[in-house]
């Protein structure tokens, strides 16, 4: 991913996080995409709100799929 793409995608994540924060106390977004140029997976994340609540939510989600 180029630096310009990274900046654009971070802006998208920031916008969507802000939109969700209008309705929720905490938001954690994790996204991935396949990079066809080097056959890797790129990951980005953005979160807002209480960090410990976000940790607990992610932990509960992981336990629910085990």
N, C-alpha and C. Protein backbone atom coordinates (compact mmCIF):
# COMPACT_ATOMS: atom_id res chain seq x y z
N UNK A 1 0.85 -1.16 0.00
CA UNK A 1 0.00 0.00 0.00
C UNK A 1 0.90 1.22 0.00
N UNK A 2 0.54 2.16 -0.83
CA UNK A 2 1.32 3.39 -0.87
C UNK A 2 0.97 4.27 0.33
N UNK A 3 1.80 5.26 0.56
CA UNK A 3 1.53 6.18 1.67
C UNK A 3 0.22 6.94 1.45
N UNK A 4 -0.04 7.31 0.20
CA UNK A 4 -1.28 8.02 -0.11
C UNK A 4 -2.50 7.12 0.15
N UNK A 5 -2.41 5.84 -0.21
CA UNK A 5 -3.50 4.90 0.07
C UNK A 5 -3.72 4.74 1.57
N UNK A 6 -2.61 4.64 2.31
CA UNK A 6 -2.70 4.47 3.76
C UNK A 6 -3.39 5.68 4.40
N UNK A 7 -3.04 6.87 3.97
CA UNK A 7 -3.66 8.09 4.50
C UNK A 7 -5.15 8.10 4.19
N UNK A 8 -5.52 7.75 2.95
CA UNK A 8 -6.93 7.70 2.55
C UNK A 8 -7.70 6.69 3.40
N UNK A 9 -7.14 5.49 3.59
CA UNK A 9 -7.83 4.45 4.34
C UNK A 9 -7.94 4.79 5.82
N UNK A 10 -6.92 5.44 6.37
CA UNK A 10 -7.01 5.88 7.77
C UNK A 10 -8.12 6.92 7.93
N UNK A 11 -8.29 7.78 6.94
CA UNK A 11 -9.37 8.76 6.98
C UNK A 11 -10.73 8.07 6.96
N UNK A 12 -10.86 7.02 6.13
CA UNK A 12 -12.11 6.27 6.07
C UNK A 12 -12.40 5.65 7.44
N UNK A 13 -11.39 5.01 8.04
CA UNK A 13 -11.58 4.40 9.35
C UNK A 13 -11.95 5.43 10.41
N UNK A 14 -11.31 6.57 10.37
CA UNK A 14 -11.62 7.63 11.33
C UNK A 14 -13.06 8.11 11.17
N UNK A 15 -13.49 8.31 9.93
CA UNK A 15 -14.86 8.76 9.66
C UNK A 15 -15.88 7.74 10.16
N UNK A 16 -15.67 6.48 9.84
CA UNK A 16 -16.63 5.44 10.24
C UNK A 16 -16.63 5.26 11.76
N UNK A 17 -15.47 5.35 12.37
CA UNK A 17 -15.40 5.25 13.83
C UNK A 17 -16.19 6.39 14.47
N UNK A 18 -16.01 7.59 13.98
CA UNK A 18 -16.73 8.75 14.51
C UNK A 18 -18.24 8.58 14.33
N UNK A 19 -18.67 8.06 13.18
CA UNK A 19 -20.09 7.84 12.94
C UNK A 19 -20.66 6.84 13.94
N UNK A 20 -19.94 5.76 14.18
CA UNK A 20 -20.41 4.74 15.13
C UNK A 20 -20.41 5.26 16.56
N UNK A 21 -19.47 6.12 16.91
CA UNK A 21 -19.40 6.67 18.26
C UNK A 21 -20.61 7.53 18.60
N UNK A 22 -21.34 7.97 17.58
CA UNK A 22 -22.58 8.72 17.83
C UNK A 22 -23.65 7.83 18.44
N UNK A 23 -23.48 6.51 18.34
CA UNK A 23 -24.49 5.56 18.78
C UNK A 23 -24.01 4.58 19.85
N UNK A 24 -22.69 4.45 20.01
CA UNK A 24 -22.13 3.45 20.91
C UNK A 24 -21.07 4.08 21.82
N UNK A 25 -20.84 3.44 22.98
CA UNK A 25 -19.83 3.94 23.93
C UNK A 25 -18.41 3.63 23.49
N UNK A 26 -18.23 2.46 22.88
CA UNK A 26 -16.90 2.09 22.40
C UNK A 26 -17.02 1.51 20.99
N UNK A 27 -15.96 1.68 20.22
CA UNK A 27 -15.90 1.15 18.86
C UNK A 27 -14.49 0.62 18.62
N UNK A 28 -14.42 -0.59 18.07
CA UNK A 28 -13.14 -1.14 17.64
C UNK A 28 -13.36 -1.74 16.26
N UNK A 29 -12.66 -1.22 15.28
CA UNK A 29 -12.76 -1.71 13.91
C UNK A 29 -11.42 -2.33 13.53
N UNK A 30 -11.48 -3.54 12.98
CA UNK A 30 -10.28 -4.21 12.46
C UNK A 30 -10.62 -4.63 11.03
N UNK A 31 -9.79 -4.24 10.09
CA UNK A 31 -10.02 -4.56 8.69
C UNK A 31 -8.76 -5.17 8.09
N UNK A 32 -8.97 -6.01 7.09
CA UNK A 32 -7.84 -6.59 6.35
C UNK A 32 -8.13 -6.50 4.87
N UNK A 33 -7.06 -6.56 4.10
CA UNK A 33 -7.22 -6.67 2.65
C UNK A 33 -6.00 -7.38 2.07
N UNK A 34 -6.24 -8.04 0.95
CA UNK A 34 -5.20 -8.79 0.28
C UNK A 34 -4.41 -7.86 -0.62
N UNK A 35 -3.09 -7.90 -0.49
CA UNK A 35 -2.21 -7.12 -1.36
C UNK A 35 -1.75 -8.05 -2.48
N UNK A 36 -2.26 -7.83 -3.66
CA UNK A 36 -1.94 -8.71 -4.80
C UNK A 36 -0.51 -8.54 -5.28
N UNK A 37 0.10 -7.41 -5.00
CA UNK A 37 1.47 -7.18 -5.48
C UNK A 37 2.48 -8.08 -4.79
N UNK A 38 2.35 -8.24 -3.47
CA UNK A 38 3.32 -9.08 -2.76
C UNK A 38 2.68 -10.25 -2.03
N UNK A 39 1.39 -10.50 -2.32
CA UNK A 39 0.67 -11.65 -1.76
C UNK A 39 0.67 -11.67 -0.23
N UNK A 40 0.51 -10.50 0.37
CA UNK A 40 0.42 -10.41 1.83
C UNK A 40 -0.97 -9.92 2.22
N UNK A 41 -1.25 -10.00 3.49
CA UNK A 41 -2.49 -9.45 4.02
C UNK A 41 -2.15 -8.21 4.83
N UNK A 42 -2.80 -7.12 4.49
CA UNK A 42 -2.59 -5.87 5.21
C UNK A 42 -3.70 -5.69 6.23
N UNK A 43 -3.35 -5.22 7.42
CA UNK A 43 -4.33 -5.01 8.47
C UNK A 43 -4.26 -3.57 8.95
N UNK A 44 -5.43 -3.03 9.25
CA UNK A 44 -5.52 -1.70 9.84
C UNK A 44 -6.58 -1.78 10.93
N UNK A 45 -6.46 -0.93 11.93
CA UNK A 45 -7.47 -0.89 12.98
C UNK A 45 -7.61 0.53 13.50
N UNK A 46 -8.79 0.77 14.07
CA UNK A 46 -9.08 2.06 14.69
C UNK A 46 -10.07 1.82 15.81
N UNK A 47 -9.85 2.43 16.94
CA UNK A 47 -10.76 2.29 18.05
C UNK A 47 -10.89 3.58 18.83
N UNK A 48 -12.05 3.73 19.46
CA UNK A 48 -12.29 4.88 20.34
C UNK A 48 -13.15 4.43 21.50
N UNK A 49 -13.07 5.15 22.56
CA UNK A 49 -13.81 4.80 23.76
C UNK A 49 -12.90 4.08 24.75
N UNK A 50 -13.50 3.59 25.81
CA UNK A 50 -12.76 2.96 26.90
C UNK A 50 -11.96 1.76 26.40
N UNK A 51 -10.65 1.83 26.57
CA UNK A 51 -9.75 0.78 26.07
C UNK A 51 -10.06 -0.57 26.71
N UNK A 52 -10.32 -0.58 28.00
CA UNK A 52 -10.58 -1.85 28.68
C UNK A 52 -11.90 -2.46 28.24
N UNK A 53 -12.89 -1.66 27.96
CA UNK A 53 -14.16 -2.17 27.44
C UNK A 53 -13.96 -2.75 26.05
N UNK A 54 -13.12 -2.13 25.25
CA UNK A 54 -12.82 -2.66 23.91
C UNK A 54 -12.09 -3.98 24.02
N UNK A 55 -11.11 -4.07 24.93
CA UNK A 55 -10.40 -5.34 25.15
C UNK A 55 -11.38 -6.44 25.54
N UNK A 56 -12.26 -6.15 26.49
CA UNK A 56 -13.22 -7.14 26.96
C UNK A 56 -14.17 -7.57 25.85
N UNK A 57 -14.58 -6.64 25.02
CA UNK A 57 -15.47 -6.97 23.91
C UNK A 57 -14.79 -7.89 22.91
N UNK A 58 -13.56 -7.60 22.58
CA UNK A 58 -12.82 -8.44 21.64
C UNK A 58 -12.58 -9.81 22.26
N UNK A 59 -12.24 -9.85 23.53
CA UNK A 59 -12.02 -11.12 24.21
C UNK A 59 -13.30 -11.97 24.21
N UNK A 60 -14.44 -11.35 24.51
CA UNK A 60 -15.71 -12.07 24.50
C UNK A 60 -16.04 -12.59 23.10
N UNK A 61 -15.75 -11.78 22.10
CA UNK A 61 -16.00 -12.21 20.72
C UNK A 61 -15.11 -13.42 20.36
N UNK A 62 -13.84 -13.35 20.72
CA UNK A 62 -12.93 -14.48 20.42
C UNK A 62 -13.39 -15.75 21.11
N UNK A 63 -13.82 -15.63 22.36
CA UNK A 63 -14.28 -16.81 23.10
C UNK A 63 -15.56 -17.38 22.49
N UNK A 64 -16.38 -16.54 21.89
CA UNK A 64 -17.64 -17.00 21.31
C UNK A 64 -17.45 -17.80 20.04
N UNK A 65 -16.30 -17.66 19.39
CA UNK A 65 -16.08 -18.40 18.14
C UNK A 65 -15.17 -19.61 18.31
N UNK A 66 -14.72 -19.86 19.53
CA UNK A 66 -13.84 -21.01 19.77
C UNK A 66 -14.61 -22.29 19.80
